[in-house]
Amino acid sequence: MELFLGRPENTEGRLPREVRVYDFLDEHGIEYMRTDHAPADTMEVCYEIDSVLNATICKNLFLCNRQKTQFYLLMMPGDKPFKTKEITSQIGSARLSFASPEDMEKYLDIKPGAVSIMGLMNDKDNVVQLLVDEDVMKEEYLGCHPCVSTSSLKIKTADVFGPYLKAVGHDMIKVKLTGEA
C-alpha cells in the first residue's frame, strides 16, 4: 500500500461516486493524499490503512430517528464505543438507530462500509446533519473514504471542517462522547 498525492492518474474502472469526490476536492482546492487497498472490511486491512495514512481514522455512523425524519452522520474516533444515549441527550433527539442502506444511498450516494463525510457533497438538500465528536477535531489530519471502501484519503482536519463543509453547504454539531463502557 502506497500513499499518493491527489487523484489517481487513471480513473478507468473506478466508480463515478469516487471520481466525483476527487473532482470536487480538486475543484475546491482541497489537498489530499490517497491510498488504494482491499475493501476495508476487516480489522487487519484497517490497521494497515491506519499505518499508511498516519491520520485519525474516523468511525462514521449513519443514524436516524425512529420516524426516519431526521438523519445524522456521526464522526467519532474509531476506538471509542458508540452509545446512542450520549448523543440523543446532546442533540435533543429521540432514540437513534442505524439508518437503512437504502437511505444511505439515497442521501449520501454511499453503500455500507464506505460511509464518509465525503458523502455530504451528494446531500444537496441538507437532509443529513453532521455530528462530530470533539476528539476528531484535535488531530492535524483525518482519514476517510472517497465514497468507496477500496480507497482512503488523508486530508487536513482544518480543510475538512473549513473549506469542505462550506463548499458542501453543511454545518456541524460538535458532541462529546466519553468512551466509557
Protein backbone atom coordinates (compact mmCIF):
# COMPACT_ATOMS: atom_id res chain seq x y z
CA MET A 1 0.00 0.00 0.00
CA GLU A 2 1.36 3.38 -1.03
CA LEU A 3 0.36 6.99 -0.32
CA PHE A 4 -0.14 9.19 -3.40
CA LEU A 5 -0.67 12.94 -3.69
CA GLY A 6 -4.11 13.62 -5.17
CA ARG A 7 -6.31 11.70 -7.56
CA PRO A 8 -5.32 8.57 -9.48
CA GLU A 9 -3.72 9.27 -12.85
CA ASN A 10 -6.18 6.90 -14.49
CA THR A 11 -9.75 6.72 -13.18
CA GLU A 12 -10.81 3.94 -15.54
CA GLY A 13 -12.62 1.20 -13.64
CA ARG A 14 -13.36 3.43 -10.64
CA LEU A 15 -16.94 4.12 -9.61
CA PRO A 16 -18.40 7.50 -10.61
CA ARG A 17 -19.10 8.33 -6.93
CA GLU A 18 -15.36 8.03 -6.17
CA VAL A 19 -14.29 10.12 -9.17
CA ARG A 20 -16.82 12.82 -8.20
CA VAL A 21 -15.06 13.12 -4.81
CA TYR A 22 -11.70 13.74 -6.49
CA ASP A 23 -13.30 16.23 -8.89
CA PHE A 24 -14.98 18.07 -6.01
CA LEU A 25 -11.84 18.29 -3.85
CA ASP A 26 -9.71 19.39 -6.81
CA GLU A 27 -12.30 21.97 -7.89
CA HIS A 28 -12.29 23.49 -4.39
CA GLY A 29 -8.51 23.45 -4.00
CA ILE A 30 -8.55 20.98 -1.09
CA GLU A 31 -5.32 18.98 -0.97
CA TYR A 32 -5.41 15.30 -0.10
CA MET A 33 -3.34 12.17 -0.19
CA ARG A 34 -4.78 8.82 -1.25
CA THR A 35 -4.11 5.14 -0.87
CA ASP A 36 -5.82 2.24 -2.60
CA HIS A 37 -6.41 -1.03 -0.77
CA ALA A 38 -8.52 -4.12 -0.38
CA PRO A 39 -12.07 -3.41 0.86
CA ALA A 40 -11.76 -2.08 4.41
CA ASP A 41 -13.95 -4.77 5.91
CA THR A 42 -11.51 -6.47 8.29
CA MET A 43 -9.54 -5.04 11.19
CA GLU A 44 -6.31 -6.21 9.56
CA VAL A 45 -6.96 -4.07 6.47
CA CYS A 46 -8.00 -1.13 8.68
CA TYR A 47 -4.78 -1.34 10.73
CA GLU A 48 -2.73 -1.41 7.54
CA ILE A 49 -4.59 1.64 6.19
CA ASP A 50 -4.04 3.44 9.52
CA SER A 51 -0.30 2.85 9.35
CA VAL A 52 -0.08 4.16 5.77
CA LEU A 53 -2.26 7.24 6.33
CA ASN A 54 -0.88 8.17 9.75
CA ALA A 55 -4.08 10.12 10.43
CA THR A 56 -7.10 9.95 12.71
CA ILE A 57 -9.30 7.28 11.18
CA CYS A 58 -12.92 8.00 11.97
CA LYS A 59 -15.76 5.66 12.64
CA ASN A 60 -18.65 7.07 10.60
CA LEU A 61 -22.17 6.07 11.56
CA PHE A 62 -25.28 6.90 9.55
CA LEU A 63 -28.15 7.28 12.01
CA CYS A 64 -31.80 8.30 12.03
CA ASN A 65 -34.63 8.88 14.47
CA ARG A 66 -37.42 6.32 14.83
CA GLN A 67 -39.72 8.16 12.40
CA LYS A 68 -36.95 8.41 9.76
CA THR A 69 -37.50 12.16 9.54
CA GLN A 70 -34.05 13.17 10.81
CA PHE A 71 -30.76 11.73 9.56
CA TYR A 72 -27.30 12.12 11.10
CA LEU A 73 -23.74 11.33 10.11
CA LEU A 74 -21.69 10.81 13.27
CA MET A 75 -17.89 11.05 13.03
CA MET A 76 -16.04 9.68 16.01
CA PRO A 77 -12.64 8.16 16.78
CA GLY A 78 -12.54 4.55 15.67
CA ASP A 79 -11.58 3.29 19.11
CA LYS A 80 -14.47 4.90 21.03
CA PRO A 81 -17.60 2.89 21.71
CA PHE A 82 -20.90 4.34 20.47
CA LYS A 83 -23.72 4.83 22.95
CA THR A 84 -26.86 6.27 21.43
CA LYS A 85 -27.94 7.72 24.80
CA GLU A 86 -24.91 10.03 24.90
CA ILE A 87 -25.77 11.50 21.51
CA THR A 88 -29.53 11.83 21.90
CA SER A 89 -29.21 13.87 25.08
CA GLN A 90 -26.76 16.28 23.42
CA ILE A 91 -28.78 16.89 20.26
CA GLY A 92 -32.25 16.77 21.83
CA SER A 93 -33.48 13.92 19.67
CA ALA A 94 -35.48 10.83 20.39
CA ARG A 95 -33.72 7.48 20.31
CA LEU A 96 -31.44 7.00 17.32
CA SER A 97 -30.79 3.84 15.37
CA PHE A 98 -28.82 2.91 12.28
CA ALA A 99 -30.39 4.21 9.08
CA SER A 100 -31.07 1.81 6.25
CA PRO A 101 -28.63 1.13 3.41
CA GLU A 102 -31.32 2.49 1.05
CA ASP A 103 -31.43 5.84 2.88
CA MET A 104 -27.62 5.92 2.98
CA GLU A 105 -27.51 5.56 -0.78
CA LYS A 106 -30.42 7.98 -1.32
CA TYR A 107 -28.93 10.86 0.70
CA LEU A 108 -25.16 10.27 0.60
CA ASP A 109 -24.70 8.08 -2.51
CA ILE A 110 -22.66 5.65 -0.40
CA LYS A 111 -23.03 1.96 0.32
CA PRO A 112 -22.42 0.39 3.75
CA GLY A 113 -18.75 0.03 4.55
CA ALA A 114 -17.78 3.28 2.82
CA VAL A 115 -19.67 5.86 4.92
CA SER A 116 -17.73 9.09 4.96
CA ILE A 117 -18.04 12.83 5.36
CA MET A 118 -17.31 12.97 1.62
CA GLY A 119 -20.89 11.78 1.06
CA LEU A 120 -22.20 15.15 2.24
CA MET A 121 -21.31 16.55 -1.19
CA ASN A 122 -24.21 14.42 -2.51
CA ASP A 123 -26.71 15.72 0.09
CA LYS A 124 -27.83 18.80 -1.88
CA ASP A 125 -30.97 19.27 0.24
CA ASN A 126 -29.12 19.19 3.59
CA VAL A 127 -31.18 16.30 4.90
CA VAL A 128 -28.23 14.87 6.87
CA GLN A 129 -26.92 16.67 9.97
CA LEU A 130 -23.23 16.18 10.69
CA LEU A 131 -22.30 15.29 14.28
CA VAL A 132 -18.59 15.33 15.17
CA ASP A 133 -17.03 14.05 18.37
CA GLU A 134 -14.72 16.75 19.73
CA ASP A 135 -11.73 14.37 19.73
CA VAL A 136 -11.88 14.15 15.91
CA MET A 137 -11.07 17.86 15.77
CA LYS A 138 -7.84 17.54 17.80
CA GLU A 139 -5.58 15.94 15.19
CA GLU A 140 -3.90 17.65 12.23
CA TYR A 141 -5.15 15.08 9.69
CA LEU A 142 -8.09 12.75 9.37
CA GLY A 143 -8.67 9.74 7.18
CA CYS A 144 -11.87 8.98 5.28
CA HIS A 145 -13.15 7.06 2.27
CA PRO A 146 -13.89 8.80 -1.04
CA CYS A 147 -17.37 7.19 -1.03
CA VAL A 148 -15.90 3.71 -1.72
CA SER A 149 -14.25 1.25 0.68
CA THR A 150 -11.28 0.46 -1.58
CA SER A 151 -9.52 3.82 -1.22
CA SER A 152 -8.81 6.14 1.70
CA LEU A 153 -7.92 9.82 1.86
CA LYS A 154 -5.70 11.80 4.22
CA ILE A 155 -6.89 15.40 4.49
CA LYS A 156 -6.05 18.23 6.87
CA THR A 157 -8.72 18.34 9.56
CA ALA A 158 -8.93 22.14 9.18
CA ASP A 159 -9.67 21.72 5.44
CA VAL A 160 -12.45 19.21 6.09
CA PHE A 161 -14.21 21.29 8.73
CA GLY A 162 -13.50 24.60 6.97
CA PRO A 163 -13.44 24.80 3.16
CA TYR A 164 -15.01 21.37 2.54
CA LEU A 165 -18.04 21.88 4.80
CA LYS A 166 -18.53 25.38 3.42
CA ALA A 167 -18.39 24.04 -0.16
CA VAL A 168 -20.98 21.33 0.55
CA GLY A 169 -23.23 23.77 2.43
CA HIS A 170 -23.33 21.82 5.68
CA ASP A 171 -22.59 22.78 9.24
CA MET A 172 -21.77 20.51 12.14
CA ILE A 173 -22.76 19.93 15.72
CA LYS A 174 -19.85 19.14 17.98
CA VAL A 175 -20.61 16.38 20.50
CA LYS A 176 -18.68 14.79 23.33
CA LEU A 177 -18.56 11.03 23.64
CA THR A 178 -16.96 9.78 26.82
CA GLY A 179 -15.87 6.41 25.50
CA GLU A 180 -16.70 4.90 28.88
CA ALA A 181 -18.24 1.46 29.00
